[in-house]
């Protein structure tokens, strides 16, 4: 990539379209503990931030609200420490037509098929407080494909669009570390 920015990624879990005001509807996204309401143009920009047809002012507003986050390869670890990946579908195991690939979907209905590494990272991320914690845990597992947490992170970022655009996962805020007893 010729630039240091990999692109904008959407943060939050899309909840749907809800009545907002009289005769108007708004889109809702849960980001961390908060519910954010989006207008129609904002929702389109949030769902597909790489589409060049979006007005820059809408993208800037979503970045300011923390619903879109620029991912920089130079600070991929910072991004990974601040966010987590939440699996939204079920793991369905190997694809019968291609045993090297794994299916993700709902109760026997595949939605997306990914390689083994993508599947393992998707599954690992769900139980971890941040992407970085998931990468560290995966790199330290008994049979990892990659053993360096940063290499694991880059592999996950490479597969992120596939997982998120298929609805197999969403990105959210990292769970803060437990401060312990007060």
Protein backbone atom coordinates (compact mmCIF):
# COMPACT_ATOMS: atom_id res chain seq x y z
CA UNK A 1 0.00 0.00 0.00
CA UNK A 2 1.42 3.37 -0.97
CA UNK A 3 -0.11 5.32 1.91
CA UNK A 4 0.30 4.83 5.64
CA UNK A 5 -3.47 4.67 6.17
CA UNK A 6 -5.15 1.37 5.41
CA UNK A 7 -8.59 3.00 5.51
CA UNK A 8 -11.60 3.73 7.65
CA UNK A 9 -13.32 0.93 9.53
CA UNK A 10 -16.77 1.00 11.08
CA UNK A 11 -16.98 0.58 14.84
CA UNK A 12 -20.16 -0.75 16.40
CA UNK A 13 -22.95 -3.25 15.89
CA UNK A 14 -25.77 -2.23 13.55
CA UNK A 15 -29.10 -2.66 15.36
CA UNK A 16 -31.47 -1.61 12.61
CA UNK A 17 -33.92 1.06 11.59
CA UNK A 18 -36.08 2.58 14.34
CA UNK A 19 -38.62 5.41 14.62
CA UNK A 20 -36.72 8.59 15.43
CA UNK A 21 -39.16 11.46 15.17
CA UNK A 22 -42.61 11.99 13.74
CA UNK A 23 -42.73 10.32 10.29
CA UNK A 24 -38.96 9.85 10.35
CA UNK A 25 -36.75 6.85 10.93
CA UNK A 26 -33.17 6.58 12.10
CA UNK A 27 -30.54 3.88 12.09
CA UNK A 28 -29.08 2.72 15.40
CA UNK A 29 -25.59 1.42 16.07
CA UNK A 30 -24.38 0.15 19.44
CA UNK A 31 -20.80 1.25 20.13
CA UNK A 32 -19.57 0.13 23.52
CA UNK A 33 -22.38 0.81 25.99
CA UNK A 34 -23.89 3.62 23.89
CA UNK A 35 -26.55 3.62 21.19
CA UNK A 36 -25.78 6.05 18.38
CA UNK A 37 -28.49 7.27 16.00
CA UNK A 38 -27.54 7.81 12.37
CA UNK A 39 -29.29 9.58 9.53
CA UNK A 40 -29.70 7.72 6.25
CA UNK A 41 -26.59 9.30 4.65
CA UNK A 42 -24.58 8.64 7.84
CA UNK A 43 -25.71 5.00 7.93
CA UNK A 44 -24.68 4.48 4.31
CA UNK A 45 -21.27 6.03 4.98
CA UNK A 46 -20.83 3.97 8.17
CA UNK A 47 -21.71 0.73 6.35
CA UNK A 48 -19.37 1.37 3.40
CA UNK A 49 -16.77 3.99 4.39
CA UNK A 50 -14.57 3.22 1.38
CA UNK A 51 -17.25 4.23 -1.14
CA UNK A 52 -15.98 7.46 -2.78
CA UNK A 53 -19.52 8.82 -3.22
CA UNK A 54 -19.85 9.79 0.47
CA UNK A 55 -19.53 13.43 1.39
CA UNK A 56 -16.26 14.05 3.25
CA UNK A 57 -18.14 16.07 5.90
CA UNK A 58 -20.27 13.01 6.78
CA UNK A 59 -17.17 10.82 7.08
CA UNK A 60 -15.50 13.47 9.26
CA UNK A 61 -18.57 13.60 11.52
CA UNK A 62 -18.56 9.82 11.92
CA UNK A 63 -14.83 9.86 12.70
CA UNK A 64 -15.40 12.61 15.30
CA UNK A 65 -18.16 10.47 16.89
CA UNK A 66 -15.88 7.41 16.99
CA UNK A 67 -18.09 5.39 14.63
CA UNK A 68 -15.42 5.33 11.93
CA UNK A 69 -11.76 4.91 12.84
CA UNK A 70 -8.80 5.33 10.51
CA UNK A 71 -6.50 2.32 10.66
CA UNK A 72 -2.87 3.15 10.15
CA UNK A 73 -0.38 0.38 9.53
CA UNK A 74 2.05 2.49 11.55
CA UNK A 75 -0.26 2.26 14.60
CA UNK A 76 -1.99 -1.07 14.03
CA UNK A 77 -1.11 -2.15 17.57
CA UNK A 78 -2.74 0.99 19.03
CA UNK A 79 -5.89 0.26 17.02
CA UNK A 80 -5.83 -3.37 18.20
CA UNK A 81 -5.46 -2.36 21.85
CA UNK A 82 -8.45 0.02 21.61
CA UNK A 83 -10.87 -2.29 19.76
CA UNK A 84 -12.18 -5.83 19.81
CA UNK A 85 -13.78 -8.14 17.29
CA UNK A 86 -17.18 -9.54 18.21
CA UNK A 87 -18.31 -12.67 16.35
CA UNK A 88 -21.98 -12.31 15.37
CA UNK A 89 -22.60 -15.67 13.68
CA UNK A 90 -21.86 -19.31 14.43
CA UNK A 91 -18.89 -21.39 13.36
CA UNK A 92 -20.04 -24.17 11.02
CA UNK A 93 -16.73 -25.96 10.56
CA UNK A 94 -14.97 -27.10 7.39
CA UNK A 95 -16.47 -26.50 3.96
CA UNK A 96 -17.34 -29.95 2.55
CA UNK A 97 -16.21 -28.83 -0.91
CA UNK A 98 -12.90 -27.36 0.34
CA UNK A 99 -11.76 -28.78 3.72
CA UNK A 100 -9.02 -26.13 4.02
CA UNK A 101 -11.69 -23.43 4.35
CA UNK A 102 -14.13 -22.87 7.22
CA UNK A 103 -17.74 -21.74 7.11
CA UNK A 104 -19.40 -19.14 9.32
CA UNK A 105 -23.17 -18.65 9.34
CA UNK A 106 -26.36 -19.51 11.16
CA UNK A 107 -27.51 -23.03 12.06
CA UNK A 108 -26.28 -24.86 8.99
CA UNK A 109 -26.68 -21.92 6.60
CA UNK A 110 -23.22 -20.68 5.57
CA UNK A 111 -22.89 -16.93 5.11
CA UNK A 112 -19.14 -16.63 4.50
CA UNK A 113 -16.24 -19.02 4.01
CA UNK A 114 -12.76 -18.09 5.19
CA UNK A 115 -9.36 -19.71 5.37
CA UNK A 116 -8.30 -21.61 8.49
CA UNK A 117 -6.35 -18.67 9.91
CA UNK A 118 -9.26 -16.27 9.44
CA UNK A 119 -11.60 -18.73 11.15
CA UNK A 120 -9.25 -19.33 14.07
CA UNK A 121 -8.69 -15.60 14.59
CA UNK A 122 -12.44 -14.92 14.35
CA UNK A 123 -13.12 -17.60 16.96
CA UNK A 124 -10.27 -16.49 19.27
CA UNK A 125 -11.21 -12.81 19.18
CA UNK A 126 -14.65 -13.35 20.66
CA UNK A 127 -13.38 -14.27 24.09
CA UNK A 128 -10.75 -11.56 24.37
CA UNK A 129 -11.02 -7.97 25.64
CA UNK A 130 -9.17 -6.53 22.63
CA UNK A 131 -7.85 -7.45 19.20
CA UNK A 132 -4.33 -7.21 20.59
CA UNK A 133 -5.11 -9.65 23.42
CA UNK A 134 -6.59 -12.05 20.87
CA UNK A 135 -3.47 -11.80 18.69
CA UNK A 136 -1.17 -12.38 21.66
CA UNK A 137 -3.19 -15.37 22.84
CA UNK A 138 -3.32 -16.87 19.35
CA UNK A 139 0.44 -16.41 18.86
CA UNK A 140 1.07 -18.24 22.13
CA UNK A 141 -1.27 -21.16 21.43
CA UNK A 142 -0.03 -24.72 20.96
CA UNK A 143 -0.34 -24.92 17.16
CA UNK A 144 -0.41 -21.39 15.77
CA UNK A 145 0.11 -20.72 12.10
CA UNK A 146 1.86 -17.47 13.12
CA UNK A 147 3.82 -16.98 16.34
CA UNK A 148 4.46 -13.21 16.34
CA UNK A 149 1.45 -11.22 17.69
CA UNK A 150 2.09 -8.36 15.25
CA UNK A 151 2.10 -10.77 12.28
CA UNK A 152 -1.15 -12.26 13.62
CA UNK A 153 -2.63 -8.75 13.81
CA UNK A 154 -1.66 -7.96 10.22
CA UNK A 155 -3.21 -11.27 9.09
CA UNK A 156 -6.40 -10.44 10.97
CA UNK A 157 -6.57 -6.91 9.52
CA UNK A 158 -6.16 -8.46 6.08
CA UNK A 159 -9.27 -10.60 6.73
CA UNK A 160 -11.27 -7.99 8.63
CA UNK A 161 -13.27 -6.62 5.69
CA UNK A 162 -14.44 -10.12 4.71
CA UNK A 163 -15.62 -10.90 8.25
CA UNK A 164 -17.30 -7.54 8.87
CA UNK A 165 -18.91 -7.02 5.45
CA UNK A 166 -20.46 -10.52 5.63
CA UNK A 167 -21.90 -9.74 9.06
CA UNK A 168 -19.84 -12.51 10.67
CA UNK A 169 -18.37 -10.00 13.13
CA UNK A 170 -18.31 -6.36 14.09
CA UNK A 171 -15.67 -4.16 15.63
CA UNK A 172 -16.36 -2.56 18.99
CA UNK A 173 -14.49 -0.80 21.75
CA UNK A 174 -12.07 -2.90 23.77
CA UNK A 175 -13.18 -3.99 27.20
CA UNK A 176 -11.24 -1.95 29.75
CA UNK A 177 -8.85 -3.83 31.99
CA UNK A 178 -10.25 -4.75 35.37
CA UNK A 179 -8.89 -2.13 37.78
CA UNK A 180 -9.08 -4.64 40.65
CA UNK A 181 -10.47 -3.96 44.10
CA UNK A 182 -10.73 -0.33 45.08
